[in-house]
Amino acid sequence: MPVLEKLGLVTSKVAQAERVISDDGAKVTVPVKRYELTRVGLQSYLNKDTMRGSLEHHKDLCAATLTLDQVVRWDESQSTADTREGTLFYTYHVTAVPWALSPDAQKVFPMVDKIIKGEGTLQLAQRMQLGKEGWIAVPGSQP
């Protein structure tokens, strides 16, 4: 959180919270740091819940938007008699938000840095399934 504050995405203030200190429920008031998104942070905030595999993600910060550069390969080896599935391998273009390009962000978010630096060369993969309307991405799946 201190790095997010340094990047201007959040502000902090000292607040008070109660903490249980024993099995009988005794409490003590302790100082805590409370963080709040700034205007810049709100611009990068995704206010939606998503599922990735069996993991549920609640709200998140978005550091970049990816768009398709080119399809590198298609592997339909996962198809069965009932379902046609495959994996799409592709390169991408990236549009990063300004804070994601800072050295501080690159240090604490190494995967974001790798994605940004991999524009046009790094290959990503997406599981796809043939539906009534054509091929669609399988949410939360990994090849």
N, C-alpha and C. Protein backbone atom coordinates (compact mmCIF):
# COMPACT_ATOMS: atom_id res chain seq x y z
N MET A 1 0.81 -1.20 0.00
CA MET A 1 0.00 0.00 0.00
C MET A 1 0.86 1.27 0.00
N PRO A 2 1.99 1.28 0.69
CA PRO A 2 2.81 2.49 0.63
C PRO A 2 3.25 2.85 -0.79
N VAL A 3 3.50 1.85 -1.63
CA VAL A 3 3.88 2.15 -3.01
C VAL A 3 2.70 2.72 -3.77
N LEU A 4 1.51 2.17 -3.56
CA LEU A 4 0.32 2.72 -4.21
C LEU A 4 0.09 4.17 -3.78
N GLU A 5 0.42 4.46 -2.52
CA GLU A 5 0.30 5.83 -2.04
C GLU A 5 1.34 6.73 -2.72
N LYS A 6 2.55 6.24 -2.85
CA LYS A 6 3.61 7.00 -3.52
C LYS A 6 3.27 7.26 -4.98
N LEU A 7 2.59 6.31 -5.62
CA LEU A 7 2.18 6.45 -7.02
C LEU A 7 0.96 7.36 -7.19
N GLY A 8 0.34 7.75 -6.07
CA GLY A 8 -0.81 8.63 -6.13
C GLY A 8 -2.15 7.94 -6.32
N LEU A 9 -2.19 6.63 -6.10
CA LEU A 9 -3.43 5.88 -6.28
C LEU A 9 -4.29 5.85 -5.03
N VAL A 10 -3.66 5.96 -3.88
CA VAL A 10 -4.39 5.96 -2.61
C VAL A 10 -3.80 7.02 -1.69
N THR A 11 -4.61 7.41 -0.73
CA THR A 11 -4.13 8.25 0.38
C THR A 11 -4.37 7.47 1.65
N SER A 12 -3.60 7.81 2.68
CA SER A 12 -3.79 7.10 3.95
C SER A 12 -4.05 8.10 5.06
N LYS A 13 -4.69 7.59 6.09
CA LYS A 13 -4.86 8.38 7.31
C LYS A 13 -4.90 7.42 8.48
N VAL A 14 -4.52 7.91 9.64
CA VAL A 14 -4.54 7.09 10.84
C VAL A 14 -5.96 7.08 11.38
N ALA A 15 -6.42 5.88 11.74
CA ALA A 15 -7.75 5.71 12.31
C ALA A 15 -7.63 4.80 13.53
N GLN A 16 -8.72 4.56 14.19
CA GLN A 16 -8.74 3.70 15.37
C GLN A 16 -9.59 2.46 15.07
N ALA A 17 -9.16 1.32 15.58
CA ALA A 17 -9.90 0.08 15.43
C ALA A 17 -9.82 -0.71 16.72
N GLU A 18 -10.84 -1.51 16.98
CA GLU A 18 -10.82 -2.37 18.17
C GLU A 18 -10.21 -3.70 17.79
N ARG A 19 -9.39 -4.22 18.70
CA ARG A 19 -8.73 -5.50 18.49
C ARG A 19 -9.02 -6.39 19.68
N VAL A 20 -9.46 -7.62 19.42
CA VAL A 20 -9.71 -8.60 20.48
C VAL A 20 -8.36 -9.10 20.96
N ILE A 21 -8.15 -9.06 22.28
CA ILE A 21 -6.83 -9.44 22.81
C ILE A 21 -6.86 -10.69 23.67
N SER A 22 -8.05 -11.25 23.92
CA SER A 22 -8.10 -12.48 24.72
C SER A 22 -9.32 -13.29 24.34
N ASP A 23 -9.33 -14.55 24.80
CA ASP A 23 -10.44 -15.46 24.49
C ASP A 23 -11.76 -15.00 25.09
N ASP A 24 -11.71 -14.20 26.17
CA ASP A 24 -12.96 -13.76 26.80
C ASP A 24 -13.57 -12.54 26.09
N GLY A 25 -12.97 -12.12 24.97
CA GLY A 25 -13.54 -11.03 24.18
C GLY A 25 -13.04 -9.65 24.58
N ALA A 26 -12.08 -9.57 25.47
CA ALA A 26 -11.54 -8.26 25.86
C ALA A 26 -10.94 -7.58 24.62
N LYS A 27 -11.18 -6.27 24.53
CA LYS A 27 -10.74 -5.51 23.36
C LYS A 27 -9.88 -4.35 23.79
N VAL A 28 -9.05 -3.92 22.85
CA VAL A 28 -8.23 -2.74 23.05
C VAL A 28 -8.32 -1.92 21.76
N THR A 29 -8.28 -0.61 21.89
CA THR A 29 -8.29 0.27 20.72
C THR A 29 -6.86 0.49 20.26
N VAL A 30 -6.62 0.29 18.97
CA VAL A 30 -5.28 0.42 18.41
C VAL A 30 -5.32 1.35 17.20
N PRO A 31 -4.21 2.03 16.94
CA PRO A 31 -4.16 2.86 15.73
C PRO A 31 -3.94 1.97 14.50
N VAL A 32 -4.61 2.30 13.42
CA VAL A 32 -4.46 1.58 12.15
C VAL A 32 -4.34 2.61 11.03
N LYS A 33 -3.85 2.16 9.89
CA LYS A 33 -3.79 3.02 8.72
C LYS A 33 -4.95 2.65 7.82
N ARG A 34 -5.71 3.62 7.40
CA ARG A 34 -6.85 3.41 6.51
C ARG A 34 -6.51 4.04 5.16
N TYR A 35 -6.71 3.28 4.10
CA TYR A 35 -6.39 3.75 2.74
C TYR A 35 -7.67 4.01 1.96
N GLU A 36 -7.61 5.02 1.11
CA GLU A 36 -8.74 5.38 0.26
C GLU A 36 -8.21 5.71 -1.13
N LEU A 37 -8.95 5.28 -2.15
CA LEU A 37 -8.54 5.57 -3.52
C LEU A 37 -8.61 7.07 -3.80
N THR A 38 -7.63 7.56 -4.56
CA THR A 38 -7.65 8.95 -5.02
C THR A 38 -8.39 9.01 -6.35
N ARG A 39 -8.49 10.20 -6.92
CA ARG A 39 -9.11 10.36 -8.24
C ARG A 39 -8.36 9.51 -9.27
N VAL A 40 -7.02 9.54 -9.22
CA VAL A 40 -6.20 8.73 -10.13
C VAL A 40 -6.46 7.24 -9.90
N GLY A 41 -6.53 6.84 -8.65
CA GLY A 41 -6.81 5.44 -8.32
C GLY A 41 -8.17 5.00 -8.81
N LEU A 42 -9.17 5.85 -8.67
CA LEU A 42 -10.52 5.52 -9.14
C LEU A 42 -10.56 5.34 -10.66
N GLN A 43 -9.71 6.06 -11.39
CA GLN A 43 -9.67 5.92 -12.85
C GLN A 43 -9.15 4.54 -13.27
N SER A 44 -8.37 3.89 -12.42
CA SER A 44 -7.82 2.57 -12.72
C SER A 44 -8.59 1.45 -12.03
N TYR A 45 -9.63 1.79 -11.29
CA TYR A 45 -10.36 0.82 -10.47
C TYR A 45 -11.42 0.10 -11.28
N LEU A 46 -11.40 -1.24 -11.24
CA LEU A 46 -12.43 -2.04 -11.88
C LEU A 46 -13.43 -2.45 -10.81
N ASN A 47 -14.62 -1.95 -10.92
CA ASN A 47 -15.64 -2.22 -9.92
C ASN A 47 -16.51 -3.40 -10.35
N LYS A 48 -15.87 -4.57 -10.44
CA LYS A 48 -16.62 -5.77 -10.81
C LYS A 48 -15.99 -6.99 -10.19
N ASP A 49 -16.80 -8.01 -9.99
CA ASP A 49 -16.33 -9.28 -9.47
C ASP A 49 -16.07 -10.20 -10.66
N THR A 50 -15.01 -11.00 -10.59
CA THR A 50 -14.69 -11.95 -11.66
C THR A 50 -14.28 -13.28 -11.06
N MET A 51 -14.36 -14.30 -11.87
CA MET A 51 -13.90 -15.63 -11.49
C MET A 51 -12.74 -16.01 -12.41
N ARG A 52 -11.65 -16.50 -11.83
CA ARG A 52 -10.53 -17.02 -12.60
C ARG A 52 -10.29 -18.43 -12.10
N GLY A 53 -10.77 -19.40 -12.86
CA GLY A 53 -10.70 -20.78 -12.39
C GLY A 53 -11.61 -20.90 -11.18
N SER A 54 -11.08 -21.40 -10.09
CA SER A 54 -11.88 -21.54 -8.87
C SER A 54 -11.69 -20.34 -7.93
N LEU A 55 -10.88 -19.36 -8.36
CA LEU A 55 -10.61 -18.18 -7.51
C LEU A 55 -11.56 -17.04 -7.85
N GLU A 56 -12.15 -16.47 -6.82
CA GLU A 56 -13.05 -15.35 -6.99
C GLU A 56 -12.29 -14.06 -6.68
N HIS A 57 -12.32 -13.12 -7.61
CA HIS A 57 -11.64 -11.83 -7.45
C HIS A 57 -12.67 -10.74 -7.28
N HIS A 58 -12.50 -9.93 -6.25
CA HIS A 58 -13.41 -8.82 -5.99
C HIS A 58 -12.69 -7.51 -6.26
N LYS A 59 -13.17 -6.77 -7.23
CA LYS A 59 -12.64 -5.44 -7.52
C LYS A 59 -11.12 -5.49 -7.71
N ASP A 60 -10.58 -4.60 -8.49
CA ASP A 60 -9.15 -4.64 -8.75
C ASP A 60 -8.71 -3.34 -9.40
N LEU A 61 -7.41 -3.13 -9.44
CA LEU A 61 -6.83 -2.02 -10.19
C LEU A 61 -6.39 -2.54 -11.55
N CYS A 62 -6.62 -1.76 -12.59
CA CYS A 62 -6.23 -2.14 -13.94
C CYS A 62 -5.05 -1.28 -14.35
N ALA A 63 -3.94 -1.92 -14.67
CA ALA A 63 -2.71 -1.22 -15.03
C ALA A 63 -2.54 -1.05 -16.53
N ALA A 64 -3.25 -1.86 -17.34
CA ALA A 64 -3.07 -1.80 -18.78
C ALA A 64 -4.23 -2.46 -19.50
N THR A 65 -4.41 -2.07 -20.74
CA THR A 65 -5.40 -2.69 -21.62
C THR A 65 -4.65 -3.37 -22.75
N LEU A 66 -5.02 -4.63 -23.00
CA LEU A 66 -4.38 -5.39 -24.07
C LEU A 66 -5.34 -5.52 -25.25
N THR A 67 -4.80 -5.41 -26.45
CA THR A 67 -5.56 -5.66 -27.67
C THR A 67 -4.76 -6.61 -28.54
N LEU A 68 -5.44 -7.33 -29.40
CA LEU A 68 -4.80 -8.34 -30.24
C LEU A 68 -3.82 -7.72 -31.22
N ASP A 69 -2.62 -8.28 -31.27
CA ASP A 69 -1.62 -7.92 -32.29
C ASP A 69 -1.77 -8.91 -33.43
N GLN A 70 -1.43 -10.19 -33.15
CA GLN A 70 -1.64 -11.20 -34.18
C GLN A 70 -1.76 -12.58 -33.56
N VAL A 71 -2.51 -13.43 -34.26
CA VAL A 71 -2.66 -14.83 -33.85
C VAL A 71 -1.40 -15.56 -34.30
N VAL A 72 -0.79 -16.27 -33.36
CA VAL A 72 0.45 -17.00 -33.65
C VAL A 72 0.14 -18.46 -33.97
N ARG A 73 -0.78 -19.05 -33.19
CA ARG A 73 -1.06 -20.47 -33.36
C ARG A 73 -2.44 -20.79 -32.80
N TRP A 74 -3.05 -21.84 -33.34
CA TRP A 74 -4.32 -22.35 -32.85
C TRP A 74 -4.18 -23.84 -32.64
N ASP A 75 -4.57 -24.33 -31.45
CA ASP A 75 -4.47 -25.74 -31.13
C ASP A 75 -5.84 -26.21 -30.68
N GLU A 76 -6.47 -27.04 -31.51
CA GLU A 76 -7.81 -27.53 -31.18
C GLU A 76 -7.78 -28.94 -30.62
N SER A 77 -6.71 -29.30 -29.98
CA SER A 77 -6.54 -30.67 -29.49
C SER A 77 -7.45 -31.03 -28.33
N GLN A 78 -8.12 -30.06 -27.72
CA GLN A 78 -8.98 -30.35 -26.57
C GLN A 78 -10.42 -30.68 -26.95
N SER A 79 -10.72 -30.78 -28.24
CA SER A 79 -12.09 -31.04 -28.67
C SER A 79 -12.51 -32.47 -28.40
N THR A 80 -13.82 -32.64 -28.13
CA THR A 80 -14.42 -33.96 -27.96
C THR A 80 -15.61 -34.06 -28.90
N ALA A 81 -16.32 -35.17 -28.86
CA ALA A 81 -17.50 -35.33 -29.72
C ALA A 81 -18.59 -34.32 -29.36
N ASP A 82 -18.67 -33.93 -28.08
CA ASP A 82 -19.73 -33.02 -27.63
C ASP A 82 -19.31 -31.55 -27.66
N THR A 83 -18.05 -31.29 -27.51
CA THR A 83 -17.58 -29.91 -27.36
C THR A 83 -16.32 -29.68 -28.17
N ARG A 84 -16.30 -28.54 -28.85
CA ARG A 84 -15.07 -28.15 -29.55
C ARG A 84 -14.39 -27.07 -28.74
N GLU A 85 -13.16 -27.35 -28.33
CA GLU A 85 -12.37 -26.40 -27.56
C GLU A 85 -10.96 -26.34 -28.15
N GLY A 86 -10.32 -25.24 -27.88
CA GLY A 86 -8.96 -25.09 -28.35
C GLY A 86 -8.25 -23.98 -27.59
N THR A 87 -7.00 -23.80 -27.91
CA THR A 87 -6.21 -22.75 -27.29
C THR A 87 -5.69 -21.83 -28.38
N LEU A 88 -5.90 -20.54 -28.18
CA LEU A 88 -5.43 -19.51 -29.09
C LEU A 88 -4.16 -18.90 -28.50
N PHE A 89 -3.09 -18.90 -29.25
CA PHE A 89 -1.83 -18.29 -28.85
C PHE A 89 -1.67 -17.01 -29.66
N TYR A 90 -1.38 -15.90 -28.97
CA TYR A 90 -1.36 -14.62 -29.67
C TYR A 90 -0.37 -13.64 -29.03
N THR A 91 0.00 -12.63 -29.82
CA THR A 91 0.75 -11.50 -29.29
C THR A 91 -0.22 -10.33 -29.19
N TYR A 92 0.19 -9.28 -28.52
CA TYR A 92 -0.74 -8.21 -28.19
C TYR A 92 -0.07 -6.84 -28.24
N HIS A 93 -0.93 -5.83 -28.28
CA HIS A 93 -0.51 -4.43 -28.08
C HIS A 93 -0.95 -4.06 -26.66
N VAL A 94 -0.25 -3.15 -26.03
CA VAL A 94 -0.59 -2.76 -24.66
C VAL A 94 -0.70 -1.24 -24.56
N THR A 95 -1.71 -0.81 -23.84
CA THR A 95 -1.86 0.60 -23.47
C THR A 95 -1.84 0.64 -21.96
N ALA A 96 -0.73 1.11 -21.40
CA ALA A 96 -0.56 1.13 -19.95
C ALA A 96 -0.98 2.49 -19.39
N VAL A 97 -1.53 2.47 -18.19
CA VAL A 97 -1.82 3.73 -17.50
C VAL A 97 -0.48 4.32 -17.05
N PRO A 98 -0.37 5.63 -16.94
CA PRO A 98 0.93 6.24 -16.63
C PRO A 98 1.61 5.72 -15.37
N TRP A 99 0.85 5.47 -14.30
CA TRP A 99 1.50 5.03 -13.06
C TRP A 99 2.17 3.67 -13.22
N ALA A 100 1.67 2.82 -14.14
CA ALA A 100 2.24 1.48 -14.32
C ALA A 100 3.62 1.53 -14.98
N LEU A 101 3.99 2.67 -15.55
CA LEU A 101 5.28 2.81 -16.23
C LEU A 101 6.38 3.31 -15.31
N SER A 102 6.04 3.66 -14.08
CA SER A 102 7.04 4.19 -13.16
C SER A 102 7.94 3.08 -12.62
N PRO A 103 9.19 3.40 -12.31
CA PRO A 103 10.10 2.39 -11.76
C PRO A 103 9.56 1.75 -10.47
N ASP A 104 8.88 2.53 -9.63
CA ASP A 104 8.33 1.96 -8.39
C ASP A 104 7.28 0.90 -8.70
N ALA A 105 6.40 1.17 -9.66
CA ALA A 105 5.38 0.19 -10.04
C ALA A 105 6.03 -1.05 -10.65
N GLN A 106 7.04 -0.85 -11.47
CA GLN A 106 7.72 -1.98 -12.10
C GLN A 106 8.36 -2.91 -11.07
N LYS A 107 8.85 -2.34 -9.97
CA LYS A 107 9.48 -3.17 -8.92
C LYS A 107 8.46 -4.00 -8.16
N VAL A 108 7.32 -3.41 -7.82
CA VAL A 108 6.35 -4.13 -6.98
C VAL A 108 5.32 -4.93 -7.78
N PHE A 109 5.22 -4.65 -9.08
CA PHE A 109 4.32 -5.41 -9.96
C PHE A 109 5.12 -5.98 -11.13
N PRO A 110 6.00 -6.94 -10.87
CA PRO A 110 6.88 -7.45 -11.93
C PRO A 110 6.14 -8.10 -13.10
N MET A 111 4.99 -8.71 -12.86
CA MET A 111 4.25 -9.32 -13.97
C MET A 111 3.64 -8.24 -14.86
N VAL A 112 3.18 -7.14 -14.29
CA VAL A 112 2.67 -6.03 -15.10
C VAL A 112 3.81 -5.49 -15.96
N ASP A 113 4.97 -5.33 -15.37
CA ASP A 113 6.15 -4.85 -16.10
C ASP A 113 6.48 -5.80 -17.25
N LYS A 114 6.43 -7.10 -16.99
CA LYS A 114 6.73 -8.09 -18.02
C LYS A 114 5.72 -8.01 -19.16
N ILE A 115 4.45 -7.87 -18.84
CA ILE A 115 3.40 -7.75 -19.87
C ILE A 115 3.62 -6.50 -20.71
N ILE A 116 3.91 -5.38 -20.06
CA ILE A 116 4.13 -4.12 -20.78
C ILE A 116 5.35 -4.25 -21.71
N LYS A 117 6.44 -4.77 -21.19
CA LYS A 117 7.67 -4.90 -22.00
C LYS A 117 7.55 -5.99 -23.07
N GLY A 118 6.58 -6.89 -22.93
CA GLY A 118 6.41 -7.97 -23.90
C GLY A 118 5.54 -7.63 -25.08
N GLU A 119 5.11 -6.37 -25.19
CA GLU A 119 4.22 -5.97 -26.28
C GLU A 119 4.78 -6.40 -27.64
N GLY A 120 3.96 -7.09 -28.41
CA GLY A 120 4.32 -7.50 -29.76
C GLY A 120 5.20 -8.74 -29.84
N THR A 121 5.75 -9.20 -28.71
CA THR A 121 6.63 -10.37 -28.76
C THR A 121 6.20 -11.48 -27.80
N LEU A 122 5.76 -11.12 -26.61
CA LEU A 122 5.35 -12.12 -25.63
C LEU A 122 4.06 -12.77 -26.10
N GLN A 123 4.01 -14.09 -26.02
CA GLN A 123 2.80 -14.80 -26.43
C GLN A 123 1.93 -15.10 -25.21
N LEU A 124 0.66 -14.83 -25.34
CA LEU A 124 -0.33 -15.20 -24.35
C LEU A 124 -1.20 -16.30 -24.94
N ALA A 125 -1.91 -17.02 -24.07
CA ALA A 125 -2.78 -18.10 -24.51
C ALA A 125 -4.15 -17.93 -23.90
N GLN A 126 -5.18 -18.29 -24.65
CA GLN A 126 -6.56 -18.21 -24.16
C GLN A 126 -7.32 -19.44 -24.61
N ARG A 127 -7.93 -20.13 -23.63
CA ARG A 127 -8.80 -21.26 -23.96
C ARG A 127 -10.06 -20.72 -24.63
N MET A 128 -10.51 -21.40 -25.66
CA MET A 128 -11.69 -21.00 -26.42
C MET A 128 -12.63 -22.19 -26.55
N GLN A 129 -13.93 -21.89 -26.67
CA GLN A 129 -14.93 -22.94 -26.85
C GLN A 129 -15.91 -22.49 -27.92
N LEU A 130 -16.30 -23.41 -28.78
CA LEU A 130 -17.26 -23.10 -29.85
C LEU A 130 -18.66 -23.09 -29.27
N GLY A 131 -19.32 -21.94 -29.37
CA GLY A 131 -20.70 -21.81 -28.89
C GLY A 131 -21.64 -21.54 -30.05
N LYS A 132 -22.88 -21.22 -29.76
CA LYS A 132 -23.88 -20.97 -30.80
C LYS A 132 -23.54 -19.76 -31.65
N GLU A 133 -22.87 -18.78 -31.05
CA GLU A 133 -22.52 -17.54 -31.74
C GLU A 133 -21.10 -17.54 -32.30
N GLY A 134 -20.38 -18.65 -32.17
CA GLY A 134 -19.00 -18.74 -32.63
C GLY A 134 -18.06 -19.03 -31.48
N TRP A 135 -16.78 -18.83 -31.69
CA TRP A 135 -15.77 -19.12 -30.68
C TRP A 135 -15.79 -18.04 -29.61
N ILE A 136 -15.80 -18.48 -28.33
CA ILE A 136 -15.80 -17.53 -27.21
C ILE A 136 -14.72 -17.95 -26.21
N ALA A 137 -14.18 -16.97 -25.49
CA ALA A 137 -13.19 -17.24 -24.47
C ALA A 137 -13.83 -17.98 -23.30
N VAL A 138 -13.12 -18.93 -22.76
CA VAL A 138 -13.58 -19.66 -21.57
C VAL A 138 -13.07 -18.89 -20.37
N PRO A 139 -13.97 -18.23 -19.61
CA PRO A 139 -13.52 -17.42 -18.48
C PRO A 139 -12.79 -18.24 -17.43
N GLY A 140 -11.70 -17.66 -16.92
CA GLY A 140 -10.98 -18.27 -15.81
C GLY A 140 -10.20 -19.50 -16.17
N SER A 141 -10.06 -19.80 -17.45
CA SER A 141 -9.35 -21.01 -17.82
C SER A 141 -7.92 -20.71 -18.21
N GLN A 142 -7.07 -21.69 -18.01
CA GLN A 142 -5.69 -21.60 -18.44
C GLN A 142 -5.40 -22.83 -19.27
N PRO A 143 -4.62 -22.65 -20.32
CA PRO A 143 -4.32 -23.82 -21.17
C PRO A 143 -3.50 -24.86 -20.45
